[in-house]
Amino acid sequence: MANVFQVRNLKKSFGDKTVLKDISLAVGKGEVVAVIGPSGSGKTTFLRCATMLEDMDSGDLCFGDLCVVNSWTKAMARIKCGLVFQNFNLFPHFSVLQNITDAPIHVQKRDKNEVVETAMKLLKKMGLEDRADAYPCELSGGQQQRVSIARALAMNPEILFFDEPTSALDPELTNEILKVIRSLADEKMTMVIVTHEIDFAAAVADRIIFMADGYIVEEGPARELVANPKNERTRAFLAGLDKSSIF
């Protein structure tokens, strides 16, 4: 299986605090990897470094055969990945359609008619084809998050990163987003999902990464890791969770 994404020996500090101590991870084409762990373990910092929102202190970052070594390769790598934020990050003064089409038209320089057609297909896929002219303030949280997923997909990324995509939503809206992500997994979209939804991670991901204290402590097949973690730190994290709904 060819790797779509790979990071080797990633380290990141903020001042005197080392957040990521030595992270190495490869993600194959069509693979879904869930990243779990306690607050402060470095999950979001890892995601921000992986999507180049933060600069690494050291390490190698590659998307397929393209490795990030300078500003040019960083710009090219950004085209290969999409990021869905936990707080949507939609432009409030843009309509839903404008939010989705702006970057493909102005950053990727794609044909406007083709981009609009693609955007409408994505909105239909998200069940939002009738909301193209609405503004973010007119949408529910679940609808806004579906728009943000459509926006990321409109860039035709090779890999999609999610940063706690349901953390800002109530349980009913959470289920909406989890269904969308599950459908993308069924379509073999390559994804890395930072999540606190352990049941969902076990059911949808091919592999789970457990992070703690700036390290990858354990990784393995998703259901196997949740049902039978080998590391004591992982066992302690999962100890109080109800896993009965997974199987």
Protein backbone atom coordinates (compact mmCIF):
# COMPACT_ATOMS: atom_id res chain seq x y z
CA MET A 1 0.00 0.00 0.00
CA ALA A 2 1.47 3.34 -1.07
CA ASN A 3 1.79 5.96 1.64
CA VAL A 4 -0.25 9.12 1.11
CA PHE A 5 1.19 10.76 4.22
CA GLN A 6 4.25 10.14 6.34
CA VAL A 7 5.88 11.96 9.22
CA ARG A 8 9.17 10.87 10.78
CA ASN A 9 10.70 11.94 14.09
CA LEU A 10 8.45 14.97 14.47
CA LYS A 11 9.33 17.21 17.40
CA LYS A 12 7.61 20.42 18.47
CA SER A 13 8.05 22.71 21.46
CA PHE A 14 6.41 25.91 22.61
CA GLY A 15 8.96 27.79 24.68
CA ASP A 16 10.30 25.43 27.33
CA LYS A 17 7.43 22.95 26.90
CA THR A 18 8.04 20.03 24.53
CA VAL A 19 4.64 18.98 23.20
CA LEU A 20 5.67 16.41 20.57
CA LYS A 21 8.74 14.42 21.50
CA ASP A 22 9.26 11.93 18.64
CA ILE A 23 6.27 11.19 16.42
CA SER A 24 6.53 8.88 13.40
CA LEU A 25 3.46 7.77 11.44
CA ALA A 26 2.62 6.59 7.92
CA VAL A 27 -0.87 6.50 6.42
CA GLY A 28 -1.61 4.37 3.36
CA LYS A 29 -3.96 5.21 0.50
CA GLY A 30 -7.58 4.63 1.52
CA GLU A 31 -6.68 4.09 5.17
CA VAL A 32 -8.59 5.67 8.05
CA VAL A 33 -6.48 6.39 11.13
CA ALA A 34 -8.03 7.65 14.35
CA VAL A 35 -5.88 9.48 16.90
CA ILE A 36 -7.06 9.28 20.51
CA GLY A 37 -5.60 10.26 23.85
CA PRO A 38 -6.05 12.47 26.91
CA SER A 39 -6.15 16.25 26.78
CA GLY A 40 -2.65 17.68 26.52
CA SER A 41 -1.22 14.61 24.82
CA GLY A 42 -0.26 16.57 21.69
CA LYS A 43 -3.01 15.36 19.32
CA THR A 44 -4.05 18.76 18.00
CA THR A 45 -0.46 20.01 17.79
CA PHE A 46 0.38 16.92 15.74
CA LEU A 47 -2.52 17.69 13.40
CA ARG A 48 -1.50 21.34 13.06
CA CYS A 49 2.07 20.32 12.20
CA ALA A 50 0.80 17.68 9.76
CA THR A 51 -1.28 20.30 7.94
CA MET A 52 1.47 22.93 8.18
CA LEU A 53 -0.45 25.35 10.37
CA GLU A 54 2.50 25.01 12.77
CA ASP A 55 6.15 24.63 11.81
CA MET A 56 7.94 21.56 13.11
CA ASP A 57 11.08 22.02 15.17
CA SER A 58 12.54 18.94 13.47
CA GLY A 59 11.43 15.90 11.51
CA ASP A 60 10.36 14.93 8.01
CA LEU A 61 6.90 15.49 6.54
CA CYS A 62 5.93 13.92 3.20
CA PHE A 63 2.79 13.67 1.08
CA GLY A 64 3.36 10.83 -1.34
CA ASP A 65 6.67 11.58 -3.04
CA LEU A 66 6.56 15.26 -2.07
CA CYS A 67 8.50 16.08 1.10
CA VAL A 68 8.22 19.48 2.77
CA VAL A 69 11.65 21.12 2.71
CA ASN A 70 10.96 24.75 1.75
CA SER A 71 8.17 27.26 1.17
CA TRP A 72 7.49 25.96 -2.35
CA THR A 73 7.04 22.33 -1.31
CA LYS A 74 4.97 23.47 1.66
CA ALA A 75 2.62 25.32 -0.70
CA MET A 76 2.36 22.28 -2.98
CA ALA A 77 1.77 19.96 -0.02
CA ARG A 78 -1.11 22.12 1.22
CA ILE A 79 -2.98 21.32 -2.00
CA LYS A 80 -2.73 17.61 -1.19
CA CYS A 81 -4.38 17.78 2.22
CA GLY A 82 -7.66 19.07 3.58
CA LEU A 83 -8.47 20.03 7.16
CA VAL A 84 -11.82 20.11 8.93
CA PHE A 85 -11.70 22.24 12.09
CA GLN A 86 -13.67 21.56 15.26
CA ASN A 87 -15.18 25.07 15.21
CA PHE A 88 -16.10 25.11 11.48
CA ASN A 89 -14.07 28.26 10.58
CA LEU A 90 -16.49 29.30 7.83
CA PHE A 91 -16.33 32.84 6.47
CA PRO A 92 -19.40 34.53 8.00
CA HIS A 93 -19.74 37.06 5.15
CA PHE A 94 -19.71 34.34 2.46
CA SER A 95 -22.69 32.22 1.47
CA VAL A 96 -22.41 28.45 1.77
CA LEU A 97 -21.57 28.18 -1.93
CA GLN A 98 -18.96 30.94 -1.72
CA ASN A 99 -17.33 29.24 1.28
CA ILE A 100 -16.92 26.07 -0.75
CA THR A 101 -15.86 27.60 -4.07
CA ASP A 102 -13.55 30.42 -3.01
CA ALA A 103 -10.31 28.45 -2.53
CA PRO A 104 -10.65 26.15 -5.58
CA ILE A 105 -11.25 29.20 -7.79
CA HIS A 106 -8.73 31.66 -6.34
CA VAL A 107 -6.03 29.34 -4.93
CA GLN A 108 -6.16 26.37 -7.29
CA LYS A 109 -7.17 28.59 -10.26
CA ARG A 110 -9.77 26.07 -11.43
CA ASP A 111 -12.61 26.86 -13.83
CA LYS A 112 -15.44 28.59 -11.99
CA ASN A 113 -18.24 26.62 -13.66
CA GLU A 114 -16.54 23.30 -12.88
CA VAL A 115 -15.97 24.32 -9.27
CA VAL A 116 -19.59 25.43 -8.77
CA GLU A 117 -20.83 22.16 -10.29
CA THR A 118 -18.57 20.19 -7.95
CA ALA A 119 -19.70 22.27 -4.97
CA MET A 120 -23.38 21.62 -5.70
CA LYS A 121 -22.72 17.88 -5.97
CA LEU A 122 -20.96 17.98 -2.61
CA LEU A 123 -23.83 19.92 -1.03
CA LYS A 124 -26.26 17.32 -2.33
CA LYS A 125 -24.07 14.61 -0.84
CA MET A 126 -24.20 16.45 2.49
CA GLY A 127 -27.99 16.89 2.27
CA LEU A 128 -27.61 20.66 1.93
CA GLU A 129 -28.34 21.34 -1.75
CA ASP A 130 -31.12 23.75 -0.75
CA ARG A 131 -28.79 25.82 1.49
CA ALA A 132 -26.28 27.01 -1.12
CA ASP A 133 -27.35 30.66 -0.77
CA ALA A 134 -27.63 30.60 3.03
CA TYR A 135 -25.05 32.18 5.34
CA PRO A 136 -23.31 30.35 8.19
CA CYS A 137 -25.35 32.18 10.85
CA GLU A 138 -28.50 30.68 9.33
CA LEU A 139 -27.27 27.10 9.76
CA SER A 140 -27.19 24.70 12.69
CA GLY A 141 -23.82 23.56 14.02
CA GLY A 142 -24.20 20.22 12.26
CA GLN A 143 -24.99 21.95 8.98
CA GLN A 144 -22.00 24.25 9.35
CA GLN A 145 -19.72 21.29 9.96
CA ARG A 146 -21.09 19.51 6.87
CA VAL A 147 -20.35 22.66 4.86
CA SER A 148 -16.80 22.69 6.21
CA ILE A 149 -16.38 19.04 5.14
CA ALA A 150 -17.71 19.90 1.67
CA ARG A 151 -15.29 22.85 1.54
CA ALA A 152 -12.35 20.57 2.32
CA LEU A 153 -13.48 17.96 -0.25
CA ALA A 154 -13.89 20.64 -2.95
CA MET A 155 -10.10 21.02 -2.99
CA ASN A 156 -9.79 17.37 -4.15
CA PRO A 157 -7.37 16.47 -1.34
CA GLU A 158 -5.45 13.21 -1.28
CA ILE A 159 -5.88 13.04 2.50
CA LEU A 160 -8.40 14.64 4.84
CA PHE A 161 -7.56 15.58 8.44
CA PHE A 162 -10.25 16.10 11.09
CA ASP A 163 -9.59 17.94 14.37
CA GLU A 164 -12.25 16.78 16.87
CA PRO A 165 -15.02 17.33 14.28
CA THR A 166 -17.87 16.73 16.76
CA SER A 167 -16.55 18.40 19.91
CA ALA A 168 -18.60 21.58 19.36
CA LEU A 169 -21.84 19.70 18.69
CA ASP A 170 -24.62 18.24 20.81
CA PRO A 171 -25.25 14.45 20.59
CA GLU A 172 -27.94 14.62 17.89
CA LEU A 173 -25.79 16.78 15.60
CA THR A 174 -22.75 14.64 16.41
CA ASN A 175 -24.50 11.66 14.81
CA GLU A 176 -25.03 13.68 11.60
CA ILE A 177 -21.31 14.30 11.23
CA LEU A 178 -20.29 10.77 12.18
CA LYS A 179 -22.57 9.42 9.43
CA VAL A 180 -20.86 11.70 6.89
CA ILE A 181 -17.39 10.57 7.99
CA ARG A 182 -18.49 6.92 7.91
CA SER A 183 -19.71 7.40 4.31
CA LEU A 184 -16.32 8.88 3.36
CA ALA A 185 -14.60 5.90 4.96
CA ASP A 186 -16.83 3.57 2.92
CA GLU A 187 -15.65 5.44 -0.20
CA LYS A 188 -12.02 4.80 0.83
CA MET A 189 -11.16 8.43 1.47
CA THR A 190 -7.78 8.59 3.21
CA MET A 191 -8.38 10.22 6.59
CA VAL A 192 -6.69 11.02 9.88
CA ILE A 193 -9.26 11.78 12.58
CA VAL A 194 -8.41 13.23 15.97
CA THR A 195 -11.44 12.28 18.04
CA HIS A 196 -12.79 11.62 21.51
CA GLU A 197 -15.53 9.38 20.07
CA ILE A 198 -13.89 6.06 20.96
CA ASP A 199 -16.80 3.85 19.84
CA PHE A 200 -16.86 5.59 16.48
CA ALA A 201 -13.08 5.33 16.08
CA ALA A 202 -13.21 1.60 16.78
CA ALA A 203 -16.04 1.04 14.32
CA VAL A 204 -14.80 3.18 11.41
CA ALA A 205 -11.00 3.44 11.59
CA ASP A 206 -8.65 0.82 10.23
CA ARG A 207 -6.08 1.75 12.84
CA ILE A 208 -6.03 3.67 16.11
CA ILE A 209 -3.09 5.69 17.40
CA PHE A 210 -3.04 6.31 21.14
CA MET A 211 -1.02 9.39 22.11
CA ALA A 212 0.07 10.47 25.58
CA ASP A 213 2.73 12.85 26.86
CA GLY A 214 3.92 13.77 23.37
CA TYR A 215 4.51 10.21 22.17
CA ILE A 216 2.63 7.55 20.23
CA VAL A 217 2.27 5.08 23.09
CA GLU A 218 0.42 2.35 21.19
CA GLU A 219 -1.07 1.72 17.77
CA GLY A 220 -2.88 -1.18 16.18
CA PRO A 221 -6.03 -2.41 14.43
CA ALA A 222 -8.87 -0.25 15.72
CA ARG A 223 -11.22 -2.79 17.31
CA GLU A 224 -8.34 -4.86 18.63
CA LEU A 225 -6.66 -1.90 20.34
CA VAL A 226 -9.88 -0.76 22.03
CA ALA A 227 -10.92 -4.26 23.09
CA ASN A 228 -7.48 -5.44 24.20
CA PRO A 229 -4.91 -2.65 24.65
CA LYS A 230 -1.41 -3.92 25.32
CA ASN A 231 0.06 -0.84 27.00
CA GLU A 232 -0.79 -0.01 30.60
CA ARG A 233 -1.16 3.70 29.77
CA THR A 234 -3.70 2.86 27.05
CA ARG A 235 -5.57 0.52 29.39
CA ALA A 236 -5.78 3.25 32.02
CA PHE A 237 -7.18 5.73 29.48
CA LEU A 238 -9.84 3.31 28.22
CA ALA A 239 -10.67 1.78 31.60
CA GLY A 240 -13.86 3.74 32.31
CA LEU A 241 -15.33 3.61 28.81
CA ASP A 242 -18.39 1.59 27.82
CA LYS A 243 -17.30 -0.38 24.78
CA SER A 244 -20.40 -2.56 24.54
CA SER A 245 -21.84 -0.61 21.60
CA ILE A 246 -18.82 -1.25 19.37
CA PHE A 247 -19.31 -4.93 18.66
